[in-house]
Each structure stands twice: as C-alpha cells, then as structure tokens.
C-alpha cells in the first residue's frame, strides 16, 4: 500500500538516483544511456526496487546492473544523506526494457509508414 509519504520519497529517490548516475557514479561498466524509469517503494520506506533502462547491447545492460548492485552500499548511504532519511531503504536494481521496446515499436511504425514493410 502506497502512502503519500512513500510516493514522495519514491519520487525523490528517482530524482536523486538520476542525478547520481549522471555525475557521481564513475564506473566503466556503467555504459550506454542509463535512465531511472521507476521506483517501487514499500509503504514503510524500508525497501525499494529501482527500475533502470539501459539503451545498449545486452552486455552493457548486464554490466550496468551488476555495477549498480555492487555499489549498492554507497548508493544507499548517499541517498539517505541527500534525502535526510532516518533509515536507508534496501535497494534492488531491476532492468526495465520498456524504453527499448518503445524504440523498436516506433522504428517499426516508421518503416510501415514509409512502405518498407
């Protein structure tokens, strides 16, 4: 069950995680275009699933998710500090392929409209 507080914290986690990906997390395995798609936070704000999308090949996707899961302790601490949370939520990173699927659908529609298919 989502509470107004958990929704607010989830949006803040999404915003801060995006900022961390752009500026703070320097790892050669984090490659391609990485974006935070959604954050699923429990009602008590103790655990979060962060859904990320990696626009790149399968190796880049796997490497990015592995790197983020390895840096989980650092990320939890930073998010807790930046958002002034009493408890840092347990974080799990999940790969979300919705942006890639959307890109493929858009390409197919473009090809159909041009008469290539």
PDB file of N, CA and C in Angstrom:
ATOM      1  N   UNK A   1       0.839  -1.174   0.000  1.00  0.00           N
ATOM      2  CA  UNK A   1       0.000   0.000   0.000  1.00  0.00           C
ATOM      3  C   UNK A   1       0.886   1.240   0.000  1.00  0.00           C
ATOM      4  N   UNK A   2       0.602   2.130  -0.907  1.00  0.00           N
ATOM      5  CA  UNK A   2       1.391   3.351  -1.007  1.00  0.00           C
ATOM      6  C   UNK A   2       0.774   4.464  -0.178  1.00  0.00           C
ATOM      7  N   UNK A   3       1.610   5.107   0.561  1.00  0.00           N
ATOM      8  CA  UNK A   3       1.162   6.248   1.347  1.00  0.00           C
ATOM      9  C   UNK A   3       1.669   7.516   0.660  1.00  0.00           C
ATOM     10  N   UNK A   4       1.088   8.663   0.992  1.00  0.00           N
ATOM     11  CA  UNK A   4       1.591   9.898   0.380  1.00  0.00           C
ATOM     12  C   UNK A   4       3.085  10.111   0.641  1.00  0.00           C
ATOM     13  N   UNK A   5       3.542   9.739   1.833  1.00  0.00           N
ATOM     14  CA  UNK A   5       4.958   9.894   2.151  1.00  0.00           C
ATOM     15  C   UNK A   5       5.811   8.980   1.290  1.00  0.00           C
ATOM     16  N   UNK A   6       5.387   7.719   1.131  1.00  0.00           N
ATOM     17  CA  UNK A   6       6.192   6.796   0.333  1.00  0.00           C
ATOM     18  C   UNK A   6       6.227   7.217  -1.132  1.00  0.00           C
ATOM     19  N   UNK A   7       5.141   7.782  -1.641  1.00  0.00           N
ATOM     20  CA  UNK A   7       5.145   8.286  -3.019  1.00  0.00           C
ATOM     21  C   UNK A   7       6.106   9.466  -3.169  1.00  0.00           C
ATOM     22  N   UNK A   8       6.106  10.341  -2.180  1.00  0.00           N
ATOM     23  CA  UNK A   8       7.001  11.497  -2.189  1.00  0.00           C
ATOM     24  C   UNK A   8       8.463  11.053  -2.112  1.00  0.00           C
ATOM     25  N   UNK A   9       8.748  10.101  -1.226  1.00  0.00           N
ATOM     26  CA  UNK A   9      10.117   9.593  -1.084  1.00  0.00           C
ATOM     27  C   UNK A   9      10.538   8.862  -2.361  1.00  0.00           C
ATOM     28  N   UNK A  10       9.621   8.114  -2.983  1.00  0.00           N
ATOM     29  CA  UNK A  10       9.940   7.399  -4.221  1.00  0.00           C
ATOM     30  C   UNK A  10      10.319   8.382  -5.331  1.00  0.00           C
ATOM     31  N   UNK A  11       9.588   9.470  -5.453  1.00  0.00           N
ATOM     32  CA  UNK A  11       9.921  10.479  -6.464  1.00  0.00           C
ATOM     33  C   UNK A  11      11.278  11.121  -6.169  1.00  0.00           C
ATOM     34  N   UNK A  12      11.541  11.369  -4.902  1.00  0.00           N
ATOM     35  CA  UNK A  12      12.834  11.951  -4.521  1.00  0.00           C
ATOM     36  C   UNK A  12      13.969  10.969  -4.794  1.00  0.00           C
ATOM     37  N   UNK A  13      13.745   9.687  -4.510  1.00  0.00           N
ATOM     38  CA  UNK A  13      14.753   8.665  -4.810  1.00  0.00           C
ATOM     39  C   UNK A  13      15.038   8.617  -6.303  1.00  0.00           C
ATOM     40  N   UNK A  14      13.995   8.679  -7.098  1.00  0.00           N
ATOM     41  CA  UNK A  14      14.146   8.648  -8.558  1.00  0.00           C
ATOM     42  C   UNK A  14      14.971   9.842  -9.035  1.00  0.00           C
ATOM     43  N   UNK A  15      14.654  11.020  -8.536  1.00  0.00           N
ATOM     44  CA  UNK A  15      15.368  12.241  -8.937  1.00  0.00           C
ATOM     45  C   UNK A  15      16.845  12.180  -8.521  1.00  0.00           C
ATOM     46  N   UNK A  16      17.097  11.795  -7.265  1.00  0.00           N
ATOM     47  CA  UNK A  16      18.477  11.749  -6.771  1.00  0.00           C
ATOM     48  C   UNK A  16      19.285  10.638  -7.431  1.00  0.00           C
ATOM     49  N   UNK A  17      18.650   9.496  -7.683  1.00  0.00           N
ATOM     50  CA  UNK A  17      19.349   8.397  -8.343  1.00  0.00           C
ATOM     51  C   UNK A  17      19.735   8.802  -9.763  1.00  0.00           C
ATOM     52  N   UNK A  18      18.865   9.510 -10.452  1.00  0.00           N
ATOM     53  CA  UNK A  18      19.192  10.005 -11.793  1.00  0.00           C
ATOM     54  C   UNK A  18      20.381  10.954 -11.745  1.00  0.00           C
ATOM     55  N   UNK A  19      20.381  11.837 -10.752  1.00  0.00           N
ATOM     56  CA  UNK A  19      21.492  12.779 -10.605  1.00  0.00           C
ATOM     57  C   UNK A  19      22.794  12.035 -10.300  1.00  0.00           C
ATOM     58  N   UNK A  20      22.718  11.005  -9.473  1.00  0.00           N
ATOM     59  CA  UNK A  20      23.915  10.228  -9.147  1.00  0.00           C
ATOM     60  C   UNK A  20      24.461   9.513 -10.381  1.00  0.00           C
ATOM     61  N   UNK A  21      23.573   8.999 -11.220  1.00  0.00           N
ATOM     62  CA  UNK A  21      24.019   8.317 -12.433  1.00  0.00           C
ATOM     63  C   UNK A  21      24.735   9.280 -13.374  1.00  0.00           C
ATOM     64  N   UNK A  22      24.264  10.510 -13.427  1.00  0.00           N
ATOM     65  CA  UNK A  22      24.876  11.478 -14.338  1.00  0.00           C
ATOM     66  C   UNK A  22      26.209  12.002 -13.831  1.00  0.00           C
ATOM     67  N   UNK A  23      26.330  12.224 -12.515  1.00  0.00           N
ATOM     68  CA  UNK A  23      27.502  12.927 -12.008  1.00  0.00           C
ATOM     69  C   UNK A  23      28.429  12.093 -11.140  1.00  0.00           C
ATOM     70  N   UNK A  24      27.889  11.285 -10.256  1.00  0.00           N
ATOM     71  CA  UNK A  24      28.690  10.721  -9.174  1.00  0.00           C
ATOM     72  C   UNK A  24      29.206   9.310  -9.405  1.00  0.00           C
ATOM     73  N   UNK A  25      28.473   8.490 -10.102  1.00  0.00           N
ATOM     74  CA  UNK A  25      28.866   7.086 -10.249  1.00  0.00           C
ATOM     75  C   UNK A  25      29.783   6.927 -11.454  1.00  0.00           C
ATOM     76  N   UNK A  26      31.043   6.786 -11.176  1.00  0.00           N
ATOM     77  CA  UNK A  26      32.042   6.619 -12.237  1.00  0.00           C
ATOM     78  C   UNK A  26      32.509   5.176 -12.234  1.00  0.00           C
ATOM     79  N   UNK A  27      32.048   4.430 -13.202  1.00  0.00           N
ATOM     80  CA  UNK A  27      32.429   3.031 -13.343  1.00  0.00           C
ATOM     81  C   UNK A  27      32.381   2.709 -14.832  1.00  0.00           C
ATOM     82  N   UNK A  28      33.410   2.060 -15.335  1.00  0.00           N
ATOM     83  CA  UNK A  28      33.458   1.759 -16.773  1.00  0.00           C
ATOM     84  C   UNK A  28      32.370   0.771 -17.194  1.00  0.00           C
ATOM     85  N   UNK A  29      31.820   0.026 -16.245  1.00  0.00           N
ATOM     86  CA  UNK A  29      30.750  -0.927 -16.592  1.00  0.00           C
ATOM     87  C   UNK A  29      29.403  -0.245 -16.770  1.00  0.00           C
ATOM     88  N   UNK A  30      29.253   0.956 -16.237  1.00  0.00           N
ATOM     89  CA  UNK A  30      28.014   1.712 -16.427  1.00  0.00           C
ATOM     90  C   UNK A  30      28.147   2.431 -17.755  1.00  0.00           C
ATOM     91  N   UNK A  31      27.561   1.827 -18.791  1.00  0.00           N
ATOM     92  CA  UNK A  31      27.725   2.364 -20.135  1.00  0.00           C
ATOM     93  C   UNK A  31      26.386   2.456 -20.833  1.00  0.00           C
ATOM     94  N   UNK A  32      26.375   3.109 -21.954  1.00  0.00           N
ATOM     95  CA  UNK A  32      25.139   3.320 -22.686  1.00  0.00           C
ATOM     96  C   UNK A  32      24.356   4.450 -22.048  1.00  0.00           C
ATOM     97  N   UNK A  33      23.167   4.631 -22.510  1.00  0.00           N
ATOM     98  CA  UNK A  33      22.286   5.652 -21.945  1.00  0.00           C
ATOM     99  C   UNK A  33      21.494   4.988 -20.823  1.00  0.00           C
ATOM    100  N   UNK A  34      21.728   5.431 -19.601  1.00  0.00           N
ATOM    101  CA  UNK A  34      21.088   4.837 -18.427  1.00  0.00           C
ATOM    102  C   UNK A  34      20.092   5.837 -17.863  1.00  0.00           C
ATOM    103  N   UNK A  35      18.874   5.357 -17.640  1.00  0.00           N
ATOM    104  CA  UNK A  35      17.864   6.227 -17.038  1.00  0.00           C
ATOM    105  C   UNK A  35      17.077   5.459 -15.988  1.00  0.00           C
ATOM    106  N   UNK A  36      16.611   6.187 -14.986  1.00  0.00           N
ATOM    107  CA  UNK A  36      15.778   5.606 -13.940  1.00  0.00           C
ATOM    108  C   UNK A  36      14.333   5.719 -14.414  1.00  0.00           C
ATOM    109  N   UNK A  37      13.701   4.580 -14.610  1.00  0.00           N
ATOM    110  CA  UNK A  37      12.345   4.557 -15.145  1.00  0.00           C
ATOM    111  C   UNK A  37      11.310   4.706 -14.035  1.00  0.00           C
ATOM    112  N   UNK A  38      11.500   3.949 -12.947  1.00  0.00           N
ATOM    113  CA  UNK A  38      10.508   3.964 -11.876  1.00  0.00           C
ATOM    114  C   UNK A  38      11.168   3.499 -10.579  1.00  0.00           C
ATOM    115  N   UNK A  39      10.539   3.867  -9.477  1.00  0.00           N
ATOM    116  CA  UNK A  39      10.964   3.408  -8.162  1.00  0.00           C
ATOM    117  C   UNK A  39       9.740   2.855  -7.459  1.00  0.00           C
ATOM    118  N   UNK A  40       9.813   1.596  -7.056  1.00  0.00           N
ATOM    119  CA  UNK A  40       8.730   0.945  -6.318  1.00  0.00           C
ATOM    120  C   UNK A  40       9.179   0.844  -4.866  1.00  0.00           C
ATOM    121  N   UNK A  41       8.550   1.634  -3.997  1.00  0.00           N
ATOM    122  CA  UNK A  41       8.943   1.728  -2.603  1.00  0.00           C
ATOM    123  C   UNK A  41       7.826   1.167  -1.730  1.00  0.00           C
ATOM    124  N   UNK A  42       8.195   0.397  -0.737  1.00  0.00           N
ATOM    125  CA  UNK A  42       7.182  -0.136   0.174  1.00  0.00           C
ATOM    126  C   UNK A  42       6.596   0.999   1.006  1.00  0.00           C
ATOM    127  N   UNK A  43       5.447   0.748   1.616  1.00  0.00           N
ATOM    128  CA  UNK A  43       4.759   1.761   2.411  1.00  0.00           C
ATOM    129  C   UNK A  43       5.555   2.266   3.589  1.00  0.00           C
ATOM    130  N   UNK A  44       6.400   1.402   4.174  1.00  0.00           N
ATOM    131  CA  UNK A  44       7.211   1.831   5.319  1.00  0.00           C
ATOM    132  C   UNK A  44       8.572   2.402   4.898  1.00  0.00           C
ATOM    133  N   UNK A  45       8.808   2.518   3.595  1.00  0.00           N
ATOM    134  CA  UNK A  45      10.039   3.092   3.026  1.00  0.00           C
ATOM    135  C   UNK A  45      11.291   2.320   3.426  1.00  0.00           C
ATOM    136  N   UNK A  46      11.155   1.016   3.656  1.00  0.00           N
ATOM    137  CA  UNK A  46      12.304   0.205   4.066  1.00  0.00           C
ATOM    138  C   UNK A  46      12.967  -0.532   2.904  1.00  0.00           C
ATOM    139  N   UNK A  47      12.258  -0.739   1.800  1.00  0.00           N
ATOM    140  CA  UNK A  47      12.878  -1.399   0.656  1.00  0.00           C
ATOM    141  C   UNK A  47      12.356  -0.781  -0.637  1.00  0.00           C
ATOM    142  N   UNK A  48      13.249  -0.731  -1.612  1.00  0.00           N
ATOM    143  CA  UNK A  48      12.919  -0.100  -2.885  1.00  0.00           C
ATOM    144  C   UNK A  48      13.456  -0.933  -4.035  1.00  0.00           C
ATOM    145  N   UNK A  49      12.654  -1.017  -5.082  1.00  0.00           N
ATOM    146  CA  UNK A  49      13.108  -1.583  -6.351  1.00  0.00           C
ATOM    147  C   UNK A  49      13.264  -0.395  -7.288  1.00  0.00           C
ATOM    148  N   UNK A  50      14.467  -0.244  -7.803  1.00  0.00           N
ATOM    149  CA  UNK A  50      14.730   0.842  -8.734  1.00  0.00           C
ATOM    150  C   UNK A  50      14.842   0.233 -10.125  1.00  0.00           C
ATOM    151  N   UNK A  51      13.920   0.605 -10.993  1.00  0.00           N
ATOM    152  CA  UNK A  51      13.885   0.087 -12.355  1.00  0.00           C
ATOM    153  C   UNK A  51      14.676   1.024 -13.248  1.00  0.00           C
ATOM    154  N   UNK A  52      15.714   0.468 -13.887  1.00  0.00           N
ATOM    155  CA  UNK A  52      16.544   1.274 -14.771  1.00  0.00           C
ATOM    156  C   UNK A  52      16.444   0.745 -16.191  1.00  0.00           C
ATOM    157  N   UNK A  53      16.660   1.633 -17.116  1.00  0.00           N
ATOM    158  CA  UNK A  53      16.683   1.269 -18.518  1.00  0.00           C
ATOM    159  C   UNK A  53      18.061   1.610 -19.059  1.00  0.00           C
ATOM    160  N   UNK A  54      18.649   0.662 -19.758  1.00  0.00           N
ATOM    161  CA  UNK A  54      19.971   0.865 -20.348  1.00  0.00           C
ATOM    162  C   UNK A  54      19.812   0.702 -21.850  1.00  0.00           C
ATOM    163  N   UNK A  55      20.042   1.780 -22.561  1.00  0.00           N
ATOM    164  CA  UNK A  55      19.945   1.730 -24.017  1.00  0.00           C
ATOM    165  C   UNK A  55      21.309   1.324 -24.548  1.00  0.00           C
ATOM    166  N   UNK A  56      21.415   0.061 -24.915  1.00  0.00           N
ATOM    167  CA  UNK A  56      22.673  -0.501 -25.397  1.00  0.00           C
ATOM    168  C   UNK A  56      22.503  -1.995 -25.595  1.00  0.00           C
ATOM    169  N   UNK A  57      23.591  -2.666 -25.867  1.00  0.00           N
ATOM    170  CA  UNK A  57      23.506  -4.107 -26.079  1.00  0.00           C
ATOM    171  C   UNK A  57      23.340  -4.839 -24.748  1.00  0.00           C
ATOM    172  N   UNK A  58      23.167  -6.146 -24.856  1.00  0.00           N
ATOM    173  CA  UNK A  58      22.896  -6.953 -23.666  1.00  0.00           C
ATOM    174  C   UNK A  58      24.061  -6.953 -22.679  1.00  0.00           C
ATOM    175  N   UNK A  59      25.281  -6.906 -23.185  1.00  0.00           N
ATOM    176  CA  UNK A  59      26.453  -6.870 -22.309  1.00  0.00           C
ATOM    177  C   UNK A  59      26.490  -5.564 -21.507  1.00  0.00           C
ATOM    178  N   UNK A  60      26.149  -4.454 -22.153  1.00  0.00           N
ATOM    179  CA  UNK A  60      26.119  -3.164 -21.457  1.00  0.00           C
ATOM    180  C   UNK A  60      25.035  -3.157 -20.383  1.00  0.00           C
ATOM    181  N   UNK A  61      23.887  -3.759 -20.692  1.00  0.00           N
ATOM    182  CA  UNK A  61      22.795  -3.820 -19.724  1.00  0.00           C
ATOM    183  C   UNK A  61      23.200  -4.633 -18.502  1.00  0.00           C
ATOM    184  N   UNK A  62      23.748  -5.816 -18.743  1.00  0.00           N
ATOM    185  CA  UNK A  62      24.153  -6.676 -17.628  1.00  0.00           C
ATOM    186  C   UNK A  62      25.271  -6.032 -16.808  1.00  0.00           C
ATOM    187  N   UNK A  63      26.251  -5.439 -17.476  1.00  0.00           N
ATOM    188  CA  UNK A  63      27.344  -4.782 -16.780  1.00  0.00           C
ATOM    189  C   UNK A  63      26.871  -3.626 -15.917  1.00  0.00           C
ATOM    190  N   UNK A  64      25.925  -2.855 -16.425  1.00  0.00           N
ATOM    191  CA  UNK A  64      25.403  -1.719 -15.676  1.00  0.00           C
ATOM    192  C   UNK A  64      24.654  -2.177 -14.434  1.00  0.00           C
ATOM    193  N   UNK A  65      23.792  -3.172 -14.583  1.00  0.00           N
ATOM    194  CA  UNK A  65      23.037  -3.678 -13.433  1.00  0.00           C
ATOM    195  C   UNK A  65      23.982  -4.289 -12.400  1.00  0.00           C
ATOM    196  N   UNK A  66      24.978  -5.042 -12.852  1.00  0.00           N
ATOM    197  CA  UNK A  66      25.954  -5.631 -11.925  1.00  0.00           C
ATOM    198  C   UNK A  66      26.731  -4.550 -11.176  1.00  0.00           C
ATOM    199  N   UNK A  67      27.166  -3.514 -11.892  1.00  0.00           N
ATOM    200  CA  UNK A  67      27.924  -2.431 -11.253  1.00  0.00           C
ATOM    201  C   UNK A  67      27.074  -1.708 -10.217  1.00  0.00           C
ATOM    202  N   UNK A  68      25.811  -1.443 -10.551  1.00  0.00           N
ATOM    203  CA  UNK A  68      24.936  -0.753  -9.603  1.00  0.00           C
ATOM    204  C   UNK A  68      24.669  -1.607  -8.372  1.00  0.00           C
ATOM    205  N   UNK A  69      24.468  -2.892  -8.568  1.00  0.00           N
ATOM    206  CA  UNK A  69      24.232  -3.773  -7.420  1.00  0.00           C
ATOM    207  C   UNK A  69      25.480  -3.885  -6.539  1.00  0.00           C
ATOM    208  N   UNK A  70      26.669  -3.825  -7.137  1.00  0.00           N
ATOM    209  CA  UNK A  70      27.894  -3.858  -6.342  1.00  0.00           C
ATOM    210  C   UNK A  70      28.088  -2.572  -5.547  1.00  0.00           C
ATOM    211  N   UNK A  71      27.638  -1.451  -6.087  1.00  0.00           N
ATOM    212  CA  UNK A  71      27.782  -0.152  -5.416  1.00  0.00           C
ATOM    213  C   UNK A  71      26.574   0.170  -4.536  1.00  0.00           C
ATOM    214  N   UNK A  72      25.777  -0.820  -4.267  1.00  0.00           N
ATOM    215  CA  UNK A  72      24.530  -0.638  -3.513  1.00  0.00           C
ATOM    216  C   UNK A  72      24.741   0.026  -2.154  1.00  0.00           C
ATOM    217  N   UNK A  73      25.744  -0.356  -1.422  1.00  0.00           N
ATOM    218  CA  UNK A  73      26.005   0.235  -0.104  1.00  0.00           C
ATOM    219  C   UNK A  73      26.300   1.718  -0.195  1.00  0.00           C
ATOM    220  N   UNK A  74      27.161   2.094  -1.134  1.00  0.00           N
ATOM    221  CA  UNK A  74      27.480   3.503  -1.336  1.00  0.00           C
ATOM    222  C   UNK A  74      26.229   4.286  -1.754  1.00  0.00           C
ATOM    223  N   UNK A  75      25.456   3.718  -2.678  1.00  0.00           N
ATOM    224  CA  UNK A  75      24.256   4.398  -3.178  1.00  0.00           C
ATOM    225  C   UNK A  75      23.241   4.589  -2.055  1.00  0.00           C
ATOM    226  N   UNK A  76      23.050   3.552  -1.235  1.00  0.00           N
ATOM    227  CA  UNK A  76      22.112   3.667  -0.102  1.00  0.00           C
ATOM    228  C   UNK A  76      22.527   4.786   0.838  1.00  0.00           C
ATOM    229  N   UNK A  77      23.803   4.831   1.169  1.00  0.00           N
ATOM    230  CA  UNK A  77      24.301   5.864   2.070  1.00  0.00           C
ATOM    231  C   UNK A  77      24.131   7.257   1.502  1.00  0.00           C
ATOM    232  N   UNK A  78      24.444   7.416   0.238  1.00  0.00           N
ATOM    233  CA  UNK A  78      24.311   8.723  -0.411  1.00  0.00           C
ATOM    234  C   UNK A  78      22.855   9.163  -0.481  1.00  0.00           C
ATOM    235  N   UNK A  79      21.967   8.235  -0.851  1.00  0.00           N
ATOM    236  CA  UNK A  79      20.550   8.594  -0.931  1.00  0.00           C
ATOM    237  C   UNK A  79      20.003   8.981   0.435  1.00  0.00           C
ATOM    238  N   UNK A  80      20.419   8.233   1.464  1.00  0.00           N
ATOM    239  CA  UNK A  80      19.978   8.532   2.823  1.00  0.00           C
ATOM    240  C   UNK A  80      20.467   9.916   3.253  1.00  0.00           C
ATOM    241  N   UNK A  81      21.707  10.220   2.954  1.00  0.00           N
ATOM    242  CA  UNK A  81      22.279  11.515   3.326  1.00  0.00           C
ATOM    243  C   UNK A  81      21.624  12.657   2.553  1.00  0.00           C
ATOM    244  N   UNK A  82      21.459  12.480   1.237  1.00  0.00           N
ATOM    245  CA  UNK A  82      20.905  13.546   0.402  1.00  0.00           C
ATOM    246  C   UNK A  82      19.440  13.839   0.718  1.00  0.00           C
ATOM    247  N   UNK A  83      18.696  12.788   1.072  1.00  0.00           N
ATOM    248  CA  UNK A  83      17.265  12.965   1.323  1.00  0.00           C
ATOM    249  C   UNK A  83      16.940  13.114   2.804  1.00  0.00           C
ATOM    250  N   UNK A  84      17.955  13.086   3.651  1.00  0.00           N
ATOM    251  CA  UNK A  84      17.779  13.201   5.105  1.00  0.00           C
ATOM    252  C   UNK A  84      16.793  12.172   5.647  1.00  0.00           C
ATOM    253  N   UNK A  85      16.989  10.925   5.226  1.00  0.00           N
ATOM    254  CA  UNK A  85      16.139   9.832   5.688  1.00  0.00           C
ATOM    255  C   UNK A  85      16.734   9.228   6.949  1.00  0.00           C
ATOM    256  N   UNK A  86      15.891   8.809   7.850  1.00  0.00           N
ATOM    257  CA  UNK A  86      16.369   8.161   9.069  1.00  0.00           C
ATOM    258  C   UNK A  86      16.914   6.770   8.758  1.00  0.00           C
ATOM    259  N   UNK A  87      16.217   6.052   7.898  1.00  0.00           N
ATOM    260  CA  UNK A  87      16.632   4.706   7.508  1.00  0.00           C
ATOM    261  C   UNK A  87      16.830   4.673   6.001  1.00  0.00           C
ATOM    262  N   UNK A  88      17.955   4.126   5.585  1.00  0.00           N
ATOM    263  CA  UNK A  88      18.208   3.950   4.156  1.00  0.00           C
ATOM    264  C   UNK A  88      17.465   2.704   3.688  1.00  0.00           C
ATOM    265  N   UNK A  89      16.653   2.818   2.656  1.00  0.00           N
ATOM    266  CA  UNK A  89      15.926   1.637   2.188  1.00  0.00           C
ATOM    267  C   UNK A  89      16.862   0.619   1.539  1.00  0.00           C
ATOM    268  N   UNK A  90      16.509  -0.649   1.687  1.00  0.00           N
ATOM    269  CA  UNK A  90      17.215  -1.706   0.965  1.00  0.00           C
ATOM    270  C   UNK A  90      16.908  -1.494  -0.512  1.00  0.00           C
ATOM    271  N   UNK A  91      17.939  -1.545  -1.335  1.00  0.00           N
ATOM    272  CA  UNK A  91      17.769  -1.229  -2.753  1.00  0.00           C
ATOM    273  C   UNK A  91      18.077  -2.459  -3.596  1.00  0.00           C
ATOM    274  N   UNK A  92      17.231  -2.694  -4.589  1.00  0.00           N
ATOM    275  CA  UNK A  92      17.459  -3.717  -5.596  1.00  0.00           C
ATOM    276  C   UNK A  92      17.279  -3.041  -6.952  1.00  0.00           C
ATOM    277  N   UNK A  93      18.247  -3.225  -7.827  1.00  0.00           N
ATOM    278  CA  UNK A  93      18.148  -2.657  -9.174  1.00  0.00           C
ATOM    279  C   UNK A  93      17.598  -3.709 -10.124  1.00  0.00           C
ATOM    280  N   UNK A  94      16.602  -3.320 -10.885  1.00  0.00           N
ATOM    281  CA  UNK A  94      15.975  -4.201 -11.865  1.00  0.00           C
ATOM    282  C   UNK A  94      16.070  -3.556 -13.237  1.00  0.00           C
ATOM    283  N   UNK A  95      16.309  -4.365 -14.246  1.00  0.00           N
ATOM    284  CA  UNK A  95      16.388  -3.869 -15.610  1.00  0.00           C
ATOM    285  C   UNK A  95      14.988  -3.755 -16.188  1.00  0.00           C
ATOM    286  N   UNK A  96      14.690  -2.609 -16.776  1.00  0.00           N
ATOM    287  CA  UNK A  96      13.395  -2.366 -17.397  1.00  0.00           C
ATOM    288  C   UNK A  96      13.629  -2.128 -18.879  1.00  0.00           C
ATOM    289  N   UNK A  97      13.027  -2.932 -19.715  1.00  0.00           N
ATOM    290  CA  UNK A  97      13.231  -2.825 -21.159  1.00  0.00           C
ATOM    291  C   UNK A  97      12.162  -2.058 -21.889  1.00  0.00           C
ATOM    292  N   UNK A  98      11.335  -1.308 -21.190  1.00  0.00           N
ATOM    293  CA  UNK A  98      10.213  -0.635 -21.839  1.00  0.00           C
ATOM    294  C   UNK A  98      10.660   0.443 -22.827  1.00  0.00           C
ATOM    295  N   UNK A  99      11.747   1.163 -22.543  1.00  0.00           N
ATOM    296  CA  UNK A  99      12.200   2.200 -23.470  1.00  0.00           C
ATOM    297  C   UNK A  99      12.721   1.588 -24.767  1.00  0.00           C
ATOM    298  N   UNK A 100      13.421   0.460 -24.658  1.00  0.00           N
ATOM    299  CA  UNK A 100      13.908  -0.208 -25.865  1.00  0.00           C
ATOM    300  C   UNK A 100      12.748  -0.760 -26.689  1.00  0.00           C
ATOM    301  N   UNK A 101      11.753  -1.355 -26.004  1.00  0.00           N
ATOM    302  CA  UNK A 101      10.583  -1.860 -26.724  1.00  0.00           C
ATOM    303  C   UNK A 101       9.868  -0.714 -27.425  1.00  0.00           C
ATOM    304  N   UNK A 102       9.738   0.413 -26.749  1.00  0.00           N
ATOM    305  CA  UNK A 102       9.101   1.581 -27.355  1.00  0.00           C
ATOM    306  C   UNK A 102       9.862   2.079 -28.562  1.00  0.00           C
ATOM    307  N   UNK A 103      11.183   2.057 -28.486  1.00  0.00           N
ATOM    308  CA  UNK A 103      12.008   2.479 -29.615  1.00  0.00           C
ATOM    309  C   UNK A 103      11.830   1.537 -30.803  1.00  0.00           C
ATOM    310  N   UNK A 104      11.780   0.231 -30.548  1.00  0.00           N
ATOM    311  CA  UNK A 104      11.567  -0.733 -31.632  1.00  0.00           C
ATOM    312  C   UNK A 104      10.202  -0.556 -32.272  1.00  0.00           C
ATOM    313  N   UNK A 105       9.170  -0.315 -31.455  1.00  0.00           N
ATOM    314  CA  UNK A 105       7.822  -0.106 -31.989  1.00  0.00           C
ATOM    315  C   UNK A 105       7.786   1.151 -32.845  1.00  0.00           C
ATOM    316  N   UNK A 106       8.430   2.212 -32.390  1.00  0.00           N
ATOM    317  CA  UNK A 106       8.478   3.458 -33.164  1.00  0.00           C
ATOM    318  C   UNK A 106       9.181   3.242 -34.493  1.00  0.00           C
ATOM    319  N   UNK A 107      10.294   2.485 -34.485  1.00  0.00           N
ATOM    320  CA  UNK A 107      11.004   2.181 -35.732  1.00  0.00           C
ATOM    321  C   UNK A 107      10.119   1.378 -36.682  1.00  0.00           C
ATOM    322  N   UNK A 108       9.393   0.401 -36.141  1.00  0.00           N
ATOM    323  CA  UNK A 108       8.503  -0.398 -36.987  1.00  0.00           C
ATOM    324  C   UNK A 108       7.398   0.457 -37.592  1.00  0.00           C
ATOM    325  N   UNK A 109       6.821   1.342 -36.802  1.00  0.00           N
ATOM    326  CA  UNK A 109       5.767   2.215 -37.319  1.00  0.00           C
ATOM    327  C   UNK A 109       6.307   3.134 -38.408  1.00  0.00           C
ATOM    328  N   UNK A 110       7.526   3.632 -38.217  1.00  0.00           N
ATOM    329  CA  UNK A 110       8.144   4.478 -39.231  1.00  0.00           C
ATOM    330  C   UNK A 110       8.374   3.707 -40.531  1.00  0.00           C
ATOM    331  N   UNK A 111       8.849   2.462 -40.415  1.00  0.00           N
ATOM    332  CA  UNK A 111       9.070   1.648 -41.606  1.00  0.00           C
ATOM    333  C   UNK A 111       7.762   1.343 -42.309  1.00  0.00           C
ATOM    334  N   UNK A 112       6.715   1.070 -41.568  1.00  0.00           N
ATOM    335  CA  UNK A 112       5.402   0.786 -42.168  1.00  0.00           C
ATOM    336  C   UNK A 112       4.881   2.022 -42.887  1.00  0.00           C
ATOM    337  N   UNK A 113       5.016   3.183 -42.268  1.00  0.00           N
ATOM    338  CA  UNK A 113       4.503   4.404 -42.892  1.00  0.00           C
ATOM    339  C   UNK A 113       5.285   4.773 -44.153  1.00  0.00           C
ATOM    340  N   UNK A 114       6.565   4.387 -44.216  1.00  0.00           N
ATOM    341  CA  UNK A 114       7.367   4.634 -45.418  1.00  0.00           C
ATOM    342  C   UNK A 114       7.177   3.535 -46.462  1.00  0.00           C
ATOM    343  N   UNK A 115       6.472   2.468 -46.111  1.00  0.00           N
ATOM    344  CA  UNK A 115       6.192   1.376 -47.046  1.00  0.00           C
ATOM    345  C   UNK A 115       7.323   0.377 -47.165  1.00  0.00           C
ATOM    346  N   UNK A 116       8.217   0.349 -46.206  1.00  0.00           N
ATOM    347  CA  UNK A 116       9.341  -0.601 -46.264  1.00  0.00           C
ATOM    348  C   UNK A 116       8.950  -2.000 -45.815  1.00  0.00           C
ATOM    349  N   UNK A 117       7.862  -2.102 -45.091  1.00  0.00           N
ATOM    350  CA  UNK A 117       7.430  -3.425 -44.611  1.00  0.00           C
ATOM    351  C   UNK A 117       6.121  -3.777 -45.257  1.00  0.00           C
TER     352      UNK A 117
END
